[in-house]
Protein backbone atom coordinates (compact mmCIF):
# COMPACT_ATOMS: atom_id res chain seq x y z
CA GLY A 1 -3.42 161.44 133.56
CA VAL A 2 -1.85 158.03 133.37
CA LEU A 3 -1.23 155.38 136.01
CA ILE A 4 2.28 153.94 135.98
CA HIS A 5 2.91 150.38 137.14
CA ARG A 6 6.53 149.41 137.72
CA ALA A 7 6.08 145.66 138.08
CA VAL A 8 8.75 143.44 136.59
CA VAL A 9 8.08 140.82 133.93
CA GLY A 10 6.45 137.76 135.43
CA GLN A 11 5.48 139.44 138.71
CA PRO A 12 2.16 138.06 140.00
CA GLY A 13 -0.70 140.50 139.49
CA ALA A 14 1.33 142.74 137.17
CA THR A 15 -0.52 144.81 134.56
CA GLU A 16 0.61 146.87 131.59
CA PRO A 17 3.12 149.61 132.54
CA PHE A 18 0.91 152.55 131.49
CA ARG A 19 -2.82 152.73 132.01
CA PRO A 20 -4.82 155.95 131.35
CA VAL A 21 -6.92 157.26 134.20
CA SER A 22 -10.58 156.45 133.56
CA ARG A 23 -12.78 159.02 131.88
CA SER A 24 -15.14 159.09 134.88
CA GLU A 25 -12.28 159.86 137.28
CA GLN A 26 -10.91 162.65 135.09
CA LYS A 27 -14.38 164.16 134.71
CA ARG A 28 -14.91 163.91 138.47
CA ALA A 29 -11.68 165.82 139.06
CA MET A 30 -12.65 168.57 136.61
CA ASP A 31 -16.12 168.84 138.12
CA PHE A 32 -14.59 169.17 141.58
CA MET A 33 -12.37 172.05 140.46
CA ALA A 34 -15.25 173.71 138.65
CA GLN A 35 -17.38 173.67 141.81
CA ARG A 36 -14.74 174.25 144.50
CA VAL A 37 -12.03 176.35 142.86
CA PHE A 38 -13.45 178.18 139.82
CA ALA A 39 -17.14 178.69 140.72
CA ILE A 40 -18.68 182.11 141.31
CA ASP A 41 -19.18 181.42 145.00
CA ALA A 42 -16.12 179.23 145.58
CA PHE A 43 -14.42 181.86 147.75
CA GLN A 44 -17.32 184.06 148.80
CA GLY A 45 -16.64 184.54 152.49
CA SER A 46 -18.27 186.61 155.16
CA ALA A 47 -17.48 190.31 155.37
CA GLU A 48 -17.17 189.82 159.10
CA VAL A 49 -14.42 187.25 158.53
CA TYR A 50 -12.64 189.34 155.90
CA ARG A 51 -12.44 192.27 158.31
CA HIS A 52 -10.44 190.10 160.71
CA LEU A 53 -7.91 188.63 158.28
CA GLN A 54 -4.74 190.15 159.66
CA VAL A 55 -1.28 188.68 159.67
CA GLN A 56 0.10 187.32 162.89
CA ARG A 57 1.91 190.14 164.62
CA ARG A 58 5.51 189.77 165.64
CA GLY A 59 6.13 193.36 166.51
CA PHE A 60 4.64 195.93 164.13
CA GLU A 61 7.04 195.83 161.18
CA LEU A 62 5.41 194.80 157.88
CA PHE A 63 8.62 195.21 155.87
CA GLY A 64 7.15 197.62 153.36
CA LYS A 65 3.85 195.75 152.94
CA THR A 66 0.42 197.07 153.83
CA ALA A 67 -1.53 195.48 156.65
CA ASP A 68 -4.86 194.93 154.86
CA PRO A 69 -5.56 191.38 153.59
CA LYS A 70 -4.92 190.75 149.89
CA ILE A 71 -7.96 188.53 149.44
CA HIS A 72 -8.23 188.58 145.67
CA ALA A 73 -4.52 187.89 145.22
CA ALA A 74 -4.67 184.98 147.66
CA VAL A 75 -7.59 183.40 145.83
CA LEU A 76 -6.00 183.91 142.41
CA ALA A 77 -2.83 182.20 143.66
CA ILE A 78 -4.88 179.09 144.44
CA GLN A 79 -6.64 179.17 141.08
CA ALA A 80 -3.41 179.86 139.22
CA GLY A 81 -1.89 176.79 140.82
CA MET A 82 -4.64 174.71 139.23
CA PHE A 83 -3.96 176.30 135.84
CA ASP A 84 -0.22 175.69 136.26
CA HIS A 85 -0.94 171.97 136.35
CA LEU A 86 -3.87 171.64 133.95
CA LEU A 87 -2.25 173.77 131.25
CA ASN A 88 1.28 172.48 131.66
CA PRO A 89 2.66 171.46 128.24
CA VAL A 90 3.64 168.03 129.58
CA VAL A 91 0.11 167.39 130.86
CA LEU A 92 -1.54 168.54 127.62
CA THR A 93 0.78 166.40 125.51
CA ARG A 94 0.12 163.43 127.79
CA ILE A 95 -3.63 163.78 127.16
CA SER A 96 -3.03 163.50 123.41
CA ASP A 97 -0.51 160.67 123.75
CA THR A 98 -2.69 158.56 126.05
CA ALA A 99 -5.54 158.82 123.55
CA LEU A 100 -3.52 156.34 121.49
CA TYR A 101 -3.85 153.67 124.17
CA GLY A 102 -7.16 154.14 125.89
CA ASN A 103 -7.66 157.66 127.25
CA GLN A 104 -11.31 158.59 126.65
CA TYR A 105 -11.12 162.19 127.92
CA PRO A 106 -9.75 164.02 124.87
CA LEU A 107 -7.94 167.35 124.80
CA SER A 108 -10.89 169.08 123.12
CA GLU A 109 -13.26 168.07 125.91
CA MET A 110 -10.82 169.05 128.64
CA PHE A 111 -10.46 172.55 127.17
CA THR A 112 -14.23 172.85 126.75
CA ASP A 113 -14.85 171.82 130.36
CA LEU A 114 -12.22 174.24 131.63
CA SER A 115 -13.55 177.18 129.59
CA ASN A 116 -17.08 176.43 130.76
CA ALA A 117 -15.91 176.38 134.39
CA VAL A 118 -14.24 179.76 133.96
CA PHE A 119 -16.89 181.58 131.89
CA GLN A 120 -20.27 179.88 131.66
CA ALA A 121 -21.85 180.65 135.04
CA ASP A 122 -21.80 184.44 134.84
CA LEU A 123 -22.34 185.10 131.13
CA GLY A 124 -25.84 186.27 131.95
CA GLY A 125 -24.87 188.82 134.60
CA SER A 126 -22.19 190.57 136.59
CA VAL A 127 -18.67 189.18 136.98
CA ASN A 128 -17.34 189.47 140.53
CA GLY A 129 -13.75 190.36 141.36
CA PHE A 130 -12.62 186.78 141.89
CA ARG A 131 -13.97 185.72 138.52
CA GLN A 132 -12.55 188.76 136.74
CA ASN A 133 -9.07 187.80 137.92
CA LEU A 134 -9.71 184.15 137.04
CA GLN A 135 -10.97 184.90 133.53
CA SER A 136 -8.14 187.34 132.80
CA ASP A 137 -5.51 184.85 133.92
CA TYR A 138 -7.06 182.07 131.85
CA VAL A 139 -7.26 184.18 128.69
CA ASN A 140 -3.66 185.32 129.11
CA ARG A 141 -2.55 181.70 129.44
CA LEU A 142 -4.45 180.70 126.29
CA VAL A 143 -2.81 183.60 124.44
CA ALA A 144 0.62 182.41 125.58
CA ILE A 145 -0.09 178.82 124.51
CA ALA A 146 -1.37 179.88 121.08
CA ALA A 147 1.41 182.43 120.47
CA PRO A 148 3.12 182.02 117.08
CA GLY A 149 6.61 181.65 118.62
CA ASN A 150 5.58 178.74 120.86
CA ALA A 151 8.18 179.61 123.49
CA GLY A 152 6.43 177.38 126.04
CA GLY A 153 7.03 174.12 124.20
CA TYR A 154 3.38 173.29 123.54
CA ASP A 155 2.55 170.76 120.85
CA SER A 156 0.39 171.52 117.84
CA PRO A 157 -2.88 170.03 119.19
CA SER A 158 -2.60 172.08 122.39
CA ARG A 159 -1.88 175.30 120.51
CA SER A 160 -4.78 174.65 118.14
CA MET A 161 -7.18 174.10 121.03
CA ALA A 162 -5.97 177.23 122.83
CA LEU A 163 -6.57 179.28 119.69
CA TYR A 164 -9.98 177.72 119.18
CA GLU A 165 -10.96 178.48 122.78
CA LEU A 166 -9.92 182.12 122.39
CA ILE A 167 -12.21 182.41 119.37
CA GLU A 168 -15.05 180.74 121.29
CA ILE A 169 -14.56 182.97 124.33
CA ARG A 170 -14.57 186.03 122.03
CA ARG A 171 -17.89 184.86 120.64
CA ARG A 172 -19.35 184.32 124.12
CA LEU A 173 -18.24 187.73 125.34
CA ALA A 174 -19.86 189.43 122.35
CA SER A 175 -23.29 188.07 123.31
CA ALA A 176 -22.94 188.21 127.11
CA SER A 177 -25.23 190.37 129.23
CA SER A 178 -23.19 193.00 131.09
CA PRO A 179 -25.49 194.86 133.50
CA ASP A 180 -22.88 197.05 135.20
CA ARG A 181 -19.97 199.24 134.20
CA GLN A 182 -17.29 197.11 135.89
CA THR A 183 -18.44 193.98 134.06
CA ARG A 184 -18.54 195.84 130.77
CA ALA A 185 -15.01 197.15 131.35
CA HIS A 186 -13.75 193.67 132.22
CA ARG A 187 -15.24 192.06 129.14
CA ALA A 188 -14.04 194.88 126.90
CA ALA A 189 -10.51 194.36 128.22
CA LEU A 190 -10.67 190.60 127.61
CA THR A 191 -11.98 191.16 124.09
CA LEU A 192 -9.12 193.55 123.35
CA VAL A 193 -6.55 191.03 124.60
CA ILE A 194 -8.06 188.30 122.43
CA ASP A 195 -8.34 190.53 119.35
CA ARG A 196 -4.70 191.56 119.67
CA ALA A 197 -3.64 187.93 119.99
CA LEU A 198 -5.66 186.90 116.95
CA ASP A 199 -4.29 189.81 114.94
CA ALA A 200 -0.74 188.89 115.92
CA GLY A 201 -1.35 185.30 114.82
CA ALA A 202 -2.77 186.44 111.49
CA ALA A 203 0.23 188.69 110.88
CA SER A 204 2.84 186.02 111.62
C-alpha cells in the first residue's frame, strides 16, 4: 500500500505526497490474515454452535432456499473478499510501482507469503473442507491472472508471479502427504487445473 498526503506546497508539517507503507506494517497485515482468515483452524467452530445456526424466522418461507446453514460458503465468502483485494490488478501494480520509491515488500515476497498461508500448514496431512475451498479458489485466481489473454488487466510482473506460484504449488502438491481419500481427490483436482493452465500457456 501507499500513504497519500494531500498537503499543499508550503504547508507546515507537509511531507512528500506518496509514501509507501512500511515493510513491517505490510508483513504484520499479511501475518494477521494468515492466522485469522486463512489458517487451518481460523473458522473451526463448535458442532454445538453449528447445529444452531438458523436464519431468523419471519414466517416459514425460505424463498426456494434450504434451511440448513451454508457454513463453508459463508467462510469462503470472507476469504474470497481478502483475495479480491490482495489480488486486485491495481493493488499488484501498486506494489511494483512503489518499489521505485521505497516499498520494501516486493511482489515476489507478497505472493510467497500468500501461497504459504494458503498451502503450507497442511502439506503434511489432511486438508479440511474450509482449506479445500480456499486452495481451490486461490489456484483458480492464479490461473486467471496468468492466462495468456490477460483479460483482467494484470501487468507483466503480476502475471509472471502468478505463473511461477502455480508451478511452485504443483511441485508442493506432488510431494505432499495425503493420508485420506478426500485429500487425495482434492490435490488431484488442483493438479489437473494447474496442468491444464500450464498446457494452455505453452500452446498459446
